[in-house]
């Protein structure tokens, strides 16, 4: 069993920075095809999508969603689970509609910005 206890990395699961720390721990396990990976959220009460976007979702785009979903998540609150699920669903949408996302970003980038005097 390869267990990562989030509280040894951070006291929250909300920021991009902390998500990247988790990604650094998960990546070698995934690349070496380790099985039975567990991520334990005991004691964690703050959750936000940047954490999940820069850890699980980012790795799902590399290793595939099935491999990431095989990671067992323990002791996560309902809010944390919902935030995780939303992040993964958004990553799947990006993966499926990659070309459309590029087009949307071009439209956003080319939209005139409001200039305040």
C-alpha atoms as a PDB file:
ATOM      1  CA  UNK A   1       0.000   0.000   0.000  1.00  0.00           C
ATOM      2  CA  UNK A   2       1.356   3.410  -1.021  1.00  0.00           C
ATOM      3  CA  UNK A   3      -0.338   5.942   1.245  1.00  0.00           C
ATOM      4  CA  UNK A   4       0.056   9.705   1.032  1.00  0.00           C
ATOM      5  CA  UNK A   5      -1.311  11.553   4.045  1.00  0.00           C
ATOM      6  CA  UNK A   6      -2.191  15.081   2.977  1.00  0.00           C
ATOM      7  CA  UNK A   7      -1.662  16.510   6.468  1.00  0.00           C
ATOM      8  CA  UNK A   8       2.052  15.665   6.135  1.00  0.00           C
ATOM      9  CA  UNK A   9       2.177  17.953   3.090  1.00  0.00           C
ATOM     10  CA  UNK A  10      -0.249  20.691   4.106  1.00  0.00           C
ATOM     11  CA  UNK A  11      -2.997  21.737   6.485  1.00  0.00           C
ATOM     12  CA  UNK A  12      -5.305  22.465   3.527  1.00  0.00           C
ATOM     13  CA  UNK A  13      -6.241  21.133   0.102  1.00  0.00           C
ATOM     14  CA  UNK A  14      -7.061  24.437  -1.504  1.00  0.00           C
ATOM     15  CA  UNK A  15      -4.080  26.012  -3.223  1.00  0.00           C
ATOM     16  CA  UNK A  16      -2.244  25.415  -6.475  1.00  0.00           C
ATOM     17  CA  UNK A  17       1.037  25.221  -4.542  1.00  0.00           C
ATOM     18  CA  UNK A  18      -0.189  22.411  -2.297  1.00  0.00           C
ATOM     19  CA  UNK A  19      -1.719  20.618  -5.274  1.00  0.00           C
ATOM     20  CA  UNK A  20       1.667  20.684  -6.997  1.00  0.00           C
ATOM     21  CA  UNK A  21       3.238  19.163  -3.879  1.00  0.00           C
ATOM     22  CA  UNK A  22       0.766  16.280  -4.033  1.00  0.00           C
ATOM     23  CA  UNK A  23       1.410  15.911  -7.760  1.00  0.00           C
ATOM     24  CA  UNK A  24       5.158  15.581  -7.037  1.00  0.00           C
ATOM     25  CA  UNK A  25       4.391  12.715  -4.640  1.00  0.00           C
ATOM     26  CA  UNK A  26       1.912  10.945  -6.907  1.00  0.00           C
ATOM     27  CA  UNK A  27       3.822  11.252 -10.185  1.00  0.00           C
ATOM     28  CA  UNK A  28       6.631   8.782  -9.360  1.00  0.00           C
ATOM     29  CA  UNK A  29       4.112   6.227  -8.086  1.00  0.00           C
ATOM     30  CA  UNK A  30       2.043   6.533 -11.252  1.00  0.00           C
ATOM     31  CA  UNK A  31       5.011   6.518 -13.619  1.00  0.00           C
ATOM     32  CA  UNK A  32       6.376   3.350 -12.015  1.00  0.00           C
ATOM     33  CA  UNK A  33       2.889   1.826 -12.330  1.00  0.00           C
ATOM     34  CA  UNK A  34       2.486   1.312  -8.580  1.00  0.00           C
ATOM     35  CA  UNK A  35      -0.880  -0.030  -7.561  1.00  0.00           C
ATOM     36  CA  UNK A  36      -2.835   0.429  -4.356  1.00  0.00           C
ATOM     37  CA  UNK A  37      -2.236   4.162  -4.044  1.00  0.00           C
ATOM     38  CA  UNK A  38      -4.181   5.802  -1.224  1.00  0.00           C
ATOM     39  CA  UNK A  39      -4.517   9.526  -0.548  1.00  0.00           C
ATOM     40  CA  UNK A  40      -5.730  10.214   2.988  1.00  0.00           C
ATOM     41  CA  UNK A  41      -7.380  13.567   3.759  1.00  0.00           C
ATOM     42  CA  UNK A  42      -7.712  13.036   7.525  1.00  0.00           C
ATOM     43  CA  UNK A  43      -7.854  16.366   9.338  1.00  0.00           C
ATOM     44  CA  UNK A  44      -8.192  18.440   6.164  1.00  0.00           C
ATOM     45  CA  UNK A  45     -11.182  20.805   6.197  1.00  0.00           C
ATOM     46  CA  UNK A  46     -10.381  23.390   3.485  1.00  0.00           C
ATOM     47  CA  UNK A  47     -10.803  22.410  -0.151  1.00  0.00           C
ATOM     48  CA  UNK A  48     -10.687  24.332  -3.427  1.00  0.00           C
ATOM     49  CA  UNK A  49     -10.442  23.394  -7.071  1.00  0.00           C
ATOM     50  CA  UNK A  50      -6.876  24.698  -7.669  1.00  0.00           C
ATOM     51  CA  UNK A  51      -5.578  21.936  -5.402  1.00  0.00           C
ATOM     52  CA  UNK A  52      -7.340  19.197  -7.361  1.00  0.00           C
ATOM     53  CA  UNK A  53      -6.710  20.847 -10.744  1.00  0.00           C
ATOM     54  CA  UNK A  54      -2.943  20.849 -10.190  1.00  0.00           C
ATOM     55  CA  UNK A  55      -2.734  17.357  -8.725  1.00  0.00           C
ATOM     56  CA  UNK A  56      -5.277  14.719  -9.720  1.00  0.00           C
ATOM     57  CA  UNK A  57      -6.684  16.437 -12.834  1.00  0.00           C
ATOM     58  CA  UNK A  58      -3.255  17.376 -14.199  1.00  0.00           C
ATOM     59  CA  UNK A  59      -2.049  13.810 -13.729  1.00  0.00           C
ATOM     60  CA  UNK A  60      -5.222  12.422 -15.327  1.00  0.00           C
ATOM     61  CA  UNK A  61      -4.358  14.306 -18.514  1.00  0.00           C
ATOM     62  CA  UNK A  62      -0.985  12.512 -18.519  1.00  0.00           C
ATOM     63  CA  UNK A  63      -1.782   9.013 -17.189  1.00  0.00           C
ATOM     64  CA  UNK A  64      -5.451   8.711 -18.073  1.00  0.00           C
ATOM     65  CA  UNK A  65      -8.573   9.140 -16.019  1.00  0.00           C
ATOM     66  CA  UNK A  66      -8.974   5.452 -15.233  1.00  0.00           C
ATOM     67  CA  UNK A  67      -5.558   5.281 -13.610  1.00  0.00           C
ATOM     68  CA  UNK A  68      -6.266   8.366 -11.494  1.00  0.00           C
ATOM     69  CA  UNK A  69      -9.692   7.059 -10.496  1.00  0.00           C
ATOM     70  CA  UNK A  70      -8.012   3.885  -9.261  1.00  0.00           C
ATOM     71  CA  UNK A  71      -6.357   5.974  -6.527  1.00  0.00           C
ATOM     72  CA  UNK A  72      -8.304   5.378  -3.325  1.00  0.00           C
ATOM     73  CA  UNK A  73      -9.309   8.583  -1.570  1.00  0.00           C
ATOM     74  CA  UNK A  74      -9.940   8.227   2.148  1.00  0.00           C
ATOM     75  CA  UNK A  75     -11.314  10.414   4.905  1.00  0.00           C
ATOM     76  CA  UNK A  76     -12.450  13.247   2.656  1.00  0.00           C
ATOM     77  CA  UNK A  77     -15.446  15.385   3.531  1.00  0.00           C
ATOM     78  CA  UNK A  78     -18.490  15.755   1.318  1.00  0.00           C
ATOM     79  CA  UNK A  79     -17.283  19.219   0.266  1.00  0.00           C
ATOM     80  CA  UNK A  80     -13.851  17.830  -0.577  1.00  0.00           C
ATOM     81  CA  UNK A  81     -15.347  14.959  -2.567  1.00  0.00           C
ATOM     82  CA  UNK A  82     -17.600  17.338  -4.496  1.00  0.00           C
ATOM     83  CA  UNK A  83     -14.687  19.661  -5.266  1.00  0.00           C
ATOM     84  CA  UNK A  84     -12.562  16.726  -6.434  1.00  0.00           C
ATOM     85  CA  UNK A  85     -15.374  15.428  -8.650  1.00  0.00           C
ATOM     86  CA  UNK A  86     -15.968  18.837 -10.258  1.00  0.00           C
ATOM     87  CA  UNK A  87     -12.266  19.228 -10.981  1.00  0.00           C
ATOM     88  CA  UNK A  88     -12.080  15.805 -12.622  1.00  0.00           C
ATOM     89  CA  UNK A  89     -15.205  16.435 -14.700  1.00  0.00           C
ATOM     90  CA  UNK A  90     -13.755  19.729 -15.930  1.00  0.00           C
ATOM     91  CA  UNK A  91     -10.469  18.024 -16.830  1.00  0.00           C
ATOM     92  CA  UNK A  92     -12.367  15.367 -18.794  1.00  0.00           C
ATOM     93  CA  UNK A  93     -14.197  18.085 -20.698  1.00  0.00           C
ATOM     94  CA  UNK A  94     -10.901  19.785 -21.544  1.00  0.00           C
ATOM     95  CA  UNK A  95      -9.452  16.471 -22.693  1.00  0.00           C
ATOM     96  CA  UNK A  96     -12.457  15.739 -24.923  1.00  0.00           C
ATOM     97  CA  UNK A  97     -12.817  19.214 -26.384  1.00  0.00           C
ATOM     98  CA  UNK A  98      -9.209  20.300 -26.617  1.00  0.00           C
ATOM     99  CA  UNK A  99      -9.663  22.059 -29.964  1.00  0.00           C
ATOM    100  CA  UNK A 100     -12.738  23.949 -28.774  1.00  0.00           C
ATOM    101  CA  UNK A 101     -10.926  25.066 -25.633  1.00  0.00           C
ATOM    102  CA  UNK A 102      -8.162  26.557 -27.811  1.00  0.00           C
ATOM    103  CA  UNK A 103     -10.767  28.424 -29.862  1.00  0.00           C
ATOM    104  CA  UNK A 104     -12.493  29.734 -26.739  1.00  0.00           C
ATOM    105  CA  UNK A 105      -9.157  30.929 -25.342  1.00  0.00           C
ATOM    106  CA  UNK A 106      -8.386  32.740 -28.619  1.00  0.00           C
ATOM    107  CA  UNK A 107     -11.752  34.490 -28.472  1.00  0.00           C
ATOM    108  CA  UNK A 108     -11.100  35.522 -24.876  1.00  0.00           C
ATOM    109  CA  UNK A 109      -7.574  36.707 -25.693  1.00  0.00           C
ATOM    110  CA  UNK A 110      -8.782  38.729 -28.685  1.00  0.00           C
ATOM    111  CA  UNK A 111     -11.685  40.383 -26.871  1.00  0.00           C
ATOM    112  CA  UNK A 112     -11.022  44.086 -26.338  1.00  0.00           C
ATOM    113  CA  UNK A 113     -10.359  44.841 -22.723  1.00  0.00           C
ATOM    114  CA  UNK A 114     -12.182  47.616 -20.945  1.00  0.00           C
ATOM    115  CA  UNK A 115      -9.850  50.499 -20.318  1.00  0.00           C
ATOM    116  CA  UNK A 116     -10.620  52.776 -17.408  1.00  0.00           C
ATOM    117  CA  UNK A 117      -9.569  56.421 -17.694  1.00  0.00           C
END
